[in-house]
């Protein structure tokens, strides 16, 4: 939960956001995806959809120009 990660990843929808500097939580997230094929697949698809929707070159260019 630091930097731009929460802006990019939706916890358990398009990935896993571990608590900052919490190695145990990081390991928990890795195990969760290793052990759960359905979650891994759905998060992968959701992450791809999110990037295609929110982070295209045109959208990012407009955002930088607006800034």
Protein backbone atom coordinates (compact mmCIF):
# COMPACT_ATOMS: atom_id res chain seq x y z
CA UNK A 1 0.00 0.00 0.00
CA UNK A 2 2.64 2.45 -1.05
CA UNK A 3 3.52 4.54 -4.05
CA UNK A 4 1.29 4.07 -7.08
CA UNK A 5 0.52 0.41 -6.47
CA UNK A 6 -2.99 0.89 -5.02
CA UNK A 7 -3.73 3.03 -8.08
CA UNK A 8 -2.80 0.13 -10.35
CA UNK A 9 -3.89 -2.96 -8.43
CA UNK A 10 -7.30 -3.63 -6.92
CA UNK A 11 -6.78 -5.98 -3.98
CA UNK A 12 -8.02 -9.51 -4.79
CA UNK A 13 -9.65 -8.24 -7.99
CA UNK A 14 -6.60 -7.61 -10.16
CA UNK A 15 -3.84 -8.63 -7.77
CA UNK A 16 -2.77 -8.67 -4.16
CA UNK A 17 -1.63 -5.66 -2.18
CA UNK A 18 0.52 -6.74 0.75
CA UNK A 19 0.88 -4.55 3.79
CA UNK A 20 3.96 -2.33 3.48
CA UNK A 21 7.10 -4.00 4.83
CA UNK A 22 5.13 -7.06 5.99
CA UNK A 23 6.99 -10.07 4.62
CA UNK A 24 4.44 -12.49 6.09
CA UNK A 25 1.61 -10.76 4.25
CA UNK A 26 3.66 -10.74 1.04
CA UNK A 27 4.21 -14.50 1.36
CA UNK A 28 0.50 -14.96 2.12
CA UNK A 29 -0.34 -13.23 -1.17
CA UNK A 30 2.07 -15.37 -3.16
CA UNK A 31 0.71 -18.58 -1.62
CA UNK A 32 -2.85 -17.45 -2.27
CA UNK A 33 -2.19 -17.14 -6.00
CA UNK A 34 -0.06 -20.27 -6.23
CA UNK A 35 -2.78 -22.33 -4.55
CA UNK A 36 -5.84 -20.84 -6.27
CA UNK A 37 -6.01 -21.28 -10.05
CA UNK A 38 -9.40 -19.55 -10.35
CA UNK A 39 -8.29 -16.47 -8.42
CA UNK A 40 -5.04 -16.27 -10.37
CA UNK A 41 -6.91 -16.52 -13.67
CA UNK A 42 -9.60 -13.99 -12.80
CA UNK A 43 -7.09 -11.49 -11.39
CA UNK A 44 -4.96 -11.87 -14.49
CA UNK A 45 -7.91 -11.15 -16.75
CA UNK A 46 -9.10 -8.25 -14.58
CA UNK A 47 -5.61 -6.72 -14.51
CA UNK A 48 -5.34 -6.93 -18.29
CA UNK A 49 -8.78 -5.33 -18.72
CA UNK A 50 -7.87 -2.56 -16.27
CA UNK A 51 -4.66 -1.69 -18.13
CA UNK A 52 -6.45 -1.66 -21.49
CA UNK A 53 -9.15 0.62 -20.07
CA UNK A 54 -7.14 3.06 -17.93
CA UNK A 55 -3.55 3.07 -19.16
CA UNK A 56 -3.58 3.36 -22.93
CA UNK A 57 -0.97 5.61 -24.53
CA UNK A 58 -3.69 8.08 -25.55
CA UNK A 59 -5.21 8.25 -22.08
CA UNK A 60 -1.84 8.59 -20.36
CA UNK A 61 -0.74 11.30 -22.82
CA UNK A 62 -3.93 13.29 -22.10
CA UNK A 63 -3.40 12.90 -18.36
CA UNK A 64 0.20 14.17 -18.59
CA UNK A 65 -0.84 17.12 -20.76
CA UNK A 66 -3.63 17.99 -18.29
CA UNK A 67 -1.14 17.87 -15.44
